[in-house]
Amino acid sequence: MKNTITMGNDEFILYIRKNYNCSLTNDRIGKLVWSWILNNSKEIDKTKDIERNVPCLWQNSRLRKTFGFRLPRTASQITFNRKLLPKLFSYLDQLGEIYRADEQFDFRKRIEEEEHKNMPELDF
């Protein structure tokens, strides 16, 4: 078994979105996780072990409107030591708990806001 694993920010974001009503944006979650991985894994080569803007696997399915579910369309992939996984998921749990939103996120409201944003203003 190899010592490294490649995972993307999309996987970390999905974990948080499935388990917590977290108020952080996807970009912020991604940056916090990257910072944590880089601080806890000294052998990462930033040019070789990081790949940016990789399409997320759910974009190949029929669910093209992932914005309603607060999931990214692309994500960065990072290769790191798999021994970090238990601590990393503990960190994800901390983020979800610390930044828990008071009210439940209503993705239908978000879809309506997106639809109305593109509607022209009518002046009668």
N, C-alpha and C. Protein backbone atom coordinates (compact mmCIF):
# COMPACT_ATOMS: atom_id res chain seq x y z
N MET A 1 0.85 -1.18 0.00
CA MET A 1 0.00 0.00 0.00
C MET A 1 0.89 1.24 0.00
N LYS A 2 0.51 2.19 -0.82
CA LYS A 2 1.31 3.42 -0.85
C LYS A 2 0.97 4.31 0.33
N ASN A 3 1.90 5.19 0.66
CA ASN A 3 1.75 6.05 1.83
C ASN A 3 0.98 7.34 1.55
N THR A 4 0.74 7.64 0.28
CA THR A 4 0.07 8.90 -0.05
C THR A 4 -1.34 8.64 -0.59
N ILE A 5 -2.13 9.69 -0.51
CA ILE A 5 -3.49 9.67 -1.05
C ILE A 5 -3.73 11.02 -1.72
N THR A 6 -4.53 11.01 -2.78
CA THR A 6 -4.90 12.25 -3.45
C THR A 6 -6.38 12.48 -3.21
N MET A 7 -6.67 13.63 -2.64
CA MET A 7 -8.06 14.01 -2.37
C MET A 7 -8.25 15.47 -2.76
N GLY A 8 -9.49 15.82 -3.03
CA GLY A 8 -9.77 17.18 -3.44
C GLY A 8 -10.58 17.94 -2.41
N ASN A 9 -10.53 19.24 -2.56
CA ASN A 9 -11.33 20.11 -1.68
C ASN A 9 -12.81 19.76 -1.79
N ASP A 10 -13.25 19.27 -2.96
CA ASP A 10 -14.65 18.90 -3.11
C ASP A 10 -15.06 17.83 -2.12
N GLU A 11 -14.16 16.89 -1.83
CA GLU A 11 -14.46 15.82 -0.87
C GLU A 11 -14.58 16.37 0.55
N PHE A 12 -13.73 17.31 0.88
CA PHE A 12 -13.77 17.91 2.22
C PHE A 12 -15.02 18.77 2.38
N ILE A 13 -15.36 19.51 1.33
CA ILE A 13 -16.55 20.36 1.35
C ILE A 13 -17.80 19.49 1.45
N LEU A 14 -17.85 18.41 0.67
CA LEU A 14 -19.00 17.50 0.73
C LEU A 14 -19.17 16.92 2.13
N TYR A 15 -18.08 16.54 2.76
CA TYR A 15 -18.15 16.00 4.12
C TYR A 15 -18.77 17.02 5.08
N ILE A 16 -18.31 18.26 5.01
CA ILE A 16 -18.84 19.29 5.90
C ILE A 16 -20.30 19.59 5.58
N ARG A 17 -20.64 19.71 4.31
CA ARG A 17 -22.03 20.02 3.93
C ARG A 17 -22.99 18.90 4.32
N LYS A 18 -22.53 17.65 4.25
CA LYS A 18 -23.39 16.52 4.61
C LYS A 18 -23.61 16.42 6.12
N ASN A 19 -22.63 16.84 6.90
CA ASN A 19 -22.69 16.63 8.34
C ASN A 19 -22.98 17.87 9.18
N TYR A 20 -22.83 19.05 8.59
CA TYR A 20 -22.99 20.29 9.37
C TYR A 20 -23.69 21.34 8.53
N ASN A 21 -24.38 22.22 9.20
CA ASN A 21 -24.94 23.41 8.56
C ASN A 21 -23.92 24.52 8.76
N CYS A 22 -22.87 24.46 7.97
CA CYS A 22 -21.71 25.33 8.13
C CYS A 22 -21.89 26.63 7.36
N SER A 23 -21.57 27.75 8.00
CA SER A 23 -21.74 29.06 7.38
C SER A 23 -20.57 29.47 6.47
N LEU A 24 -19.49 28.72 6.49
CA LEU A 24 -18.33 29.06 5.66
C LEU A 24 -18.62 28.83 4.18
N THR A 25 -18.03 29.68 3.34
CA THR A 25 -18.14 29.47 1.89
C THR A 25 -17.22 28.32 1.48
N ASN A 26 -17.47 27.77 0.30
CA ASN A 26 -16.62 26.69 -0.21
C ASN A 26 -15.17 27.14 -0.34
N ASP A 27 -14.97 28.36 -0.83
CA ASP A 27 -13.60 28.88 -0.98
C ASP A 27 -12.89 28.93 0.37
N ARG A 28 -13.61 29.40 1.37
CA ARG A 28 -13.00 29.52 2.71
C ARG A 28 -12.68 28.14 3.29
N ILE A 29 -13.60 27.19 3.14
CA ILE A 29 -13.32 25.82 3.61
C ILE A 29 -12.09 25.29 2.91
N GLY A 30 -12.02 25.46 1.59
CA GLY A 30 -10.87 24.97 0.83
C GLY A 30 -9.56 25.57 1.30
N LYS A 31 -9.54 26.87 1.53
CA LYS A 31 -8.32 27.54 1.99
C LYS A 31 -7.90 27.08 3.39
N LEU A 32 -8.88 26.93 4.26
CA LEU A 32 -8.56 26.47 5.62
C LEU A 32 -8.01 25.03 5.60
N VAL A 33 -8.61 24.17 4.80
CA VAL A 33 -8.15 22.78 4.73
C VAL A 33 -6.76 22.72 4.11
N TRP A 34 -6.54 23.47 3.04
CA TRP A 34 -5.21 23.49 2.41
C TRP A 34 -4.16 23.95 3.40
N SER A 35 -4.46 25.02 4.10
CA SER A 35 -3.52 25.54 5.08
C SER A 35 -3.21 24.48 6.13
N TRP A 36 -4.25 23.78 6.60
CA TRP A 36 -4.05 22.74 7.60
C TRP A 36 -3.16 21.62 7.04
N ILE A 37 -3.46 21.17 5.83
CA ILE A 37 -2.66 20.08 5.22
C ILE A 37 -1.21 20.51 5.02
N LEU A 38 -1.01 21.72 4.50
CA LEU A 38 0.35 22.20 4.27
C LEU A 38 1.13 22.36 5.57
N ASN A 39 0.45 22.77 6.64
CA ASN A 39 1.12 22.93 7.94
C ASN A 39 1.41 21.60 8.61
N ASN A 40 0.64 20.58 8.28
CA ASN A 40 0.80 19.28 8.93
C ASN A 40 1.50 18.23 8.08
N SER A 41 1.87 18.59 6.86
CA SER A 41 2.57 17.66 5.98
C SER A 41 3.72 18.40 5.30
N LYS A 42 4.88 18.27 5.86
CA LYS A 42 6.03 19.05 5.39
C LYS A 42 6.60 18.57 4.05
N GLU A 43 6.29 17.32 3.64
CA GLU A 43 6.91 16.80 2.43
C GLU A 43 6.13 17.10 1.15
N ILE A 44 5.15 17.98 1.19
CA ILE A 44 4.36 18.31 -0.01
C ILE A 44 5.15 19.26 -0.91
N ASP A 45 5.22 18.87 -2.19
CA ASP A 45 5.82 19.71 -3.22
C ASP A 45 4.68 20.49 -3.87
N LYS A 46 4.64 21.80 -3.68
CA LYS A 46 3.51 22.61 -4.13
C LYS A 46 3.32 22.59 -5.64
N THR A 47 4.36 22.28 -6.41
CA THR A 47 4.20 22.24 -7.86
C THR A 47 3.83 20.84 -8.36
N LYS A 48 4.26 19.81 -7.67
CA LYS A 48 4.02 18.44 -8.11
C LYS A 48 2.80 17.80 -7.44
N ASP A 49 2.52 18.14 -6.21
CA ASP A 49 1.49 17.46 -5.43
C ASP A 49 0.14 18.17 -5.40
N ILE A 50 0.03 19.30 -6.09
CA ILE A 50 -1.23 20.05 -6.10
C ILE A 50 -1.65 20.27 -7.55
N GLU A 51 -2.90 19.90 -7.84
CA GLU A 51 -3.47 20.13 -9.17
C GLU A 51 -4.73 20.97 -9.00
N ARG A 52 -4.80 22.08 -9.71
CA ARG A 52 -5.90 23.02 -9.53
C ARG A 52 -6.99 22.85 -10.59
N ASN A 53 -8.20 23.29 -10.25
CA ASN A 53 -9.36 23.34 -11.15
C ASN A 53 -9.70 22.01 -11.82
N VAL A 54 -9.72 20.95 -11.06
CA VAL A 54 -10.11 19.65 -11.56
C VAL A 54 -11.64 19.56 -11.49
N PRO A 55 -12.32 19.19 -12.59
CA PRO A 55 -13.79 19.08 -12.53
C PRO A 55 -14.22 18.06 -11.48
N CYS A 56 -15.24 18.39 -10.73
CA CYS A 56 -15.77 17.48 -9.71
C CYS A 56 -16.55 16.35 -10.38
N LEU A 57 -16.50 15.17 -9.80
CA LEU A 57 -17.13 14.00 -10.41
C LEU A 57 -18.64 14.16 -10.56
N TRP A 58 -19.29 14.87 -9.65
CA TRP A 58 -20.74 15.01 -9.77
C TRP A 58 -21.12 15.90 -10.94
N GLN A 59 -20.18 16.60 -11.53
CA GLN A 59 -20.48 17.41 -12.71
C GLN A 59 -20.71 16.54 -13.95
N ASN A 60 -20.31 15.28 -13.91
CA ASN A 60 -20.54 14.38 -15.02
C ASN A 60 -21.90 13.70 -14.94
N SER A 61 -22.63 13.94 -13.88
CA SER A 61 -23.94 13.32 -13.71
C SER A 61 -25.03 14.27 -14.22
N ARG A 62 -26.24 13.89 -13.99
CA ARG A 62 -27.38 14.73 -14.41
C ARG A 62 -27.55 15.95 -13.52
N LEU A 63 -26.95 15.93 -12.33
CA LEU A 63 -27.07 17.06 -11.41
C LEU A 63 -26.08 18.15 -11.79
N ARG A 64 -26.43 18.96 -12.73
CA ARG A 64 -25.53 20.02 -13.18
C ARG A 64 -25.63 21.25 -12.28
N LYS A 65 -26.74 21.45 -11.60
CA LYS A 65 -26.93 22.65 -10.77
C LYS A 65 -26.47 22.38 -9.35
N THR A 66 -25.19 22.21 -9.15
CA THR A 66 -24.69 21.92 -7.81
C THR A 66 -24.72 23.13 -6.91
N PHE A 67 -24.91 24.34 -7.46
CA PHE A 67 -24.91 25.52 -6.60
C PHE A 67 -26.04 25.45 -5.59
N GLY A 68 -27.14 24.80 -5.92
CA GLY A 68 -28.25 24.67 -4.98
C GLY A 68 -27.92 23.80 -3.79
N PHE A 69 -26.96 22.94 -3.97
CA PHE A 69 -26.55 22.04 -2.89
C PHE A 69 -25.26 22.52 -2.23
N ARG A 70 -24.79 23.68 -2.62
CA ARG A 70 -23.60 24.30 -2.07
C ARG A 70 -22.35 23.45 -2.31
N LEU A 71 -22.25 22.82 -3.49
CA LEU A 71 -21.08 22.03 -3.84
C LEU A 71 -20.36 22.69 -5.01
N PRO A 72 -19.05 22.61 -5.01
CA PRO A 72 -18.28 23.27 -6.08
C PRO A 72 -18.34 22.52 -7.41
N ARG A 73 -18.06 23.23 -8.49
CA ARG A 73 -18.00 22.62 -9.82
C ARG A 73 -16.61 22.12 -10.13
N THR A 74 -15.60 22.80 -9.63
CA THR A 74 -14.21 22.36 -9.77
C THR A 74 -13.56 22.43 -8.40
N ALA A 75 -12.47 21.69 -8.26
CA ALA A 75 -11.76 21.70 -6.98
C ALA A 75 -10.30 21.38 -7.21
N SER A 76 -9.48 21.79 -6.27
CA SER A 76 -8.06 21.45 -6.31
C SER A 76 -7.84 20.10 -5.65
N GLN A 77 -6.92 19.34 -6.21
CA GLN A 77 -6.55 18.03 -5.68
C GLN A 77 -5.17 18.16 -5.05
N ILE A 78 -4.97 17.49 -3.93
CA ILE A 78 -3.68 17.53 -3.25
C ILE A 78 -3.28 16.12 -2.84
N THR A 79 -2.03 15.79 -3.04
CA THR A 79 -1.50 14.49 -2.66
C THR A 79 -0.73 14.67 -1.35
N PHE A 80 -1.09 13.86 -0.35
CA PHE A 80 -0.47 14.00 0.97
C PHE A 80 -0.41 12.65 1.66
N ASN A 81 0.26 12.60 2.79
CA ASN A 81 0.45 11.36 3.54
C ASN A 81 -0.90 10.92 4.12
N ARG A 82 -1.28 9.68 3.84
CA ARG A 82 -2.59 9.17 4.28
C ARG A 82 -2.71 9.05 5.79
N LYS A 83 -1.59 9.07 6.51
CA LYS A 83 -1.64 9.00 7.97
C LYS A 83 -2.30 10.24 8.58
N LEU A 84 -2.41 11.31 7.79
CA LEU A 84 -3.04 12.54 8.27
C LEU A 84 -4.56 12.47 8.30
N LEU A 85 -5.16 11.47 7.64
CA LEU A 85 -6.62 11.44 7.49
C LEU A 85 -7.40 11.51 8.80
N PRO A 86 -7.08 10.73 9.83
CA PRO A 86 -7.87 10.87 11.07
C PRO A 86 -7.83 12.27 11.65
N LYS A 87 -6.66 12.88 11.70
CA LYS A 87 -6.55 14.24 12.23
C LYS A 87 -7.26 15.25 11.32
N LEU A 88 -7.16 15.03 10.00
CA LEU A 88 -7.80 15.93 9.05
C LEU A 88 -9.31 15.90 9.23
N PHE A 89 -9.90 14.72 9.38
CA PHE A 89 -11.35 14.65 9.55
C PHE A 89 -11.78 15.20 10.91
N SER A 90 -10.93 15.10 11.91
CA SER A 90 -11.21 15.76 13.20
C SER A 90 -11.23 17.28 13.01
N TYR A 91 -10.31 17.78 12.20
CA TYR A 91 -10.27 19.21 11.89
C TYR A 91 -11.53 19.64 11.13
N LEU A 92 -11.98 18.82 10.17
CA LEU A 92 -13.20 19.13 9.44
C LEU A 92 -14.40 19.19 10.39
N ASP A 93 -14.45 18.26 11.34
CA ASP A 93 -15.52 18.28 12.34
C ASP A 93 -15.46 19.56 13.17
N GLN A 94 -14.25 19.98 13.53
CA GLN A 94 -14.10 21.24 14.28
C GLN A 94 -14.64 22.41 13.48
N LEU A 95 -14.28 22.48 12.19
CA LEU A 95 -14.77 23.58 11.35
C LEU A 95 -16.29 23.58 11.30
N GLY A 96 -16.87 22.41 11.10
CA GLY A 96 -18.33 22.31 11.03
C GLY A 96 -19.00 22.75 12.31
N GLU A 97 -18.40 22.41 13.45
CA GLU A 97 -18.97 22.79 14.74
C GLU A 97 -18.78 24.28 15.04
N ILE A 98 -17.59 24.77 14.81
CA ILE A 98 -17.27 26.17 15.14
C ILE A 98 -18.09 27.14 14.28
N TYR A 99 -18.24 26.82 13.00
CA TYR A 99 -18.92 27.73 12.08
C TYR A 99 -20.33 27.27 11.75
N ARG A 100 -20.97 26.65 12.73
CA ARG A 100 -22.35 26.17 12.55
C ARG A 100 -23.27 27.37 12.39
N ALA A 101 -24.12 27.34 11.36
CA ALA A 101 -25.08 28.41 11.13
C ALA A 101 -26.28 28.21 12.05
N ASP A 102 -26.87 29.32 12.49
CA ASP A 102 -28.01 29.24 13.39
C ASP A 102 -29.26 28.71 12.69
N GLU A 103 -29.48 29.16 11.46
CA GLU A 103 -30.66 28.69 10.75
C GLU A 103 -30.26 27.74 9.64
N GLN A 104 -31.16 26.83 9.32
CA GLN A 104 -30.89 25.83 8.29
C GLN A 104 -30.77 26.52 6.94
N PHE A 105 -29.80 26.11 6.13
CA PHE A 105 -29.62 26.67 4.80
C PHE A 105 -30.74 26.20 3.89
N ASP A 106 -31.42 27.14 3.25
CA ASP A 106 -32.53 26.81 2.35
C ASP A 106 -32.04 26.96 0.92
N PHE A 107 -31.72 25.83 0.27
CA PHE A 107 -31.17 25.92 -1.08
C PHE A 107 -32.23 26.37 -2.08
N ARG A 108 -33.52 26.15 -1.79
CA ARG A 108 -34.57 26.62 -2.70
C ARG A 108 -34.56 28.15 -2.76
N LYS A 109 -34.34 28.79 -1.63
CA LYS A 109 -34.25 30.25 -1.58
C LYS A 109 -33.09 30.71 -2.44
N ARG A 110 -31.97 30.00 -2.37
CA ARG A 110 -30.79 30.35 -3.17
C ARG A 110 -31.09 30.23 -4.66
N ILE A 111 -31.80 29.17 -5.06
CA ILE A 111 -32.15 28.99 -6.47
C ILE A 111 -33.05 30.13 -6.93
N GLU A 112 -34.03 30.50 -6.10
CA GLU A 112 -34.91 31.60 -6.44
C GLU A 112 -34.14 32.91 -6.57
N GLU A 113 -33.18 33.14 -5.68
CA GLU A 113 -32.36 34.35 -5.75
C GLU A 113 -31.57 34.37 -7.05
N GLU A 114 -31.00 33.22 -7.45
CA GLU A 114 -30.24 33.14 -8.69
C GLU A 114 -31.13 33.42 -9.90
N GLU A 115 -32.35 32.85 -9.88
CA GLU A 115 -33.27 33.05 -11.00
C GLU A 115 -33.70 34.50 -11.09
N HIS A 116 -33.99 35.13 -9.94
CA HIS A 116 -34.44 36.52 -9.93
C HIS A 116 -33.31 37.49 -10.28
N LYS A 117 -32.09 37.10 -9.99
CA LYS A 117 -30.95 37.98 -10.27
C LYS A 117 -30.83 38.23 -11.78
N ASN A 118 -31.18 37.24 -12.58
CA ASN A 118 -31.05 37.34 -14.03
C ASN A 118 -32.30 37.90 -14.71
N MET A 119 -33.34 38.17 -13.95
CA MET A 119 -34.57 38.70 -14.51
C MET A 119 -34.42 40.21 -14.74
N PRO A 120 -34.92 40.70 -15.87
CA PRO A 120 -34.84 42.15 -16.11
C PRO A 120 -35.83 42.90 -15.22
N GLU A 121 -35.46 44.12 -14.87
CA GLU A 121 -36.34 44.98 -14.07
C GLU A 121 -37.46 45.49 -14.97
N LEU A 122 -38.68 45.44 -14.48
CA LEU A 122 -39.82 45.97 -15.23
C LEU A 122 -40.24 47.29 -14.63
N ASP A 123 -40.45 48.27 -15.48
CA ASP A 123 -40.83 49.60 -15.01
C ASP A 123 -42.17 49.94 -15.63
N PHE A 124 -43.22 49.90 -14.82
CA PHE A 124 -44.59 50.20 -15.33
C PHE A 124 -44.97 51.61 -15.02
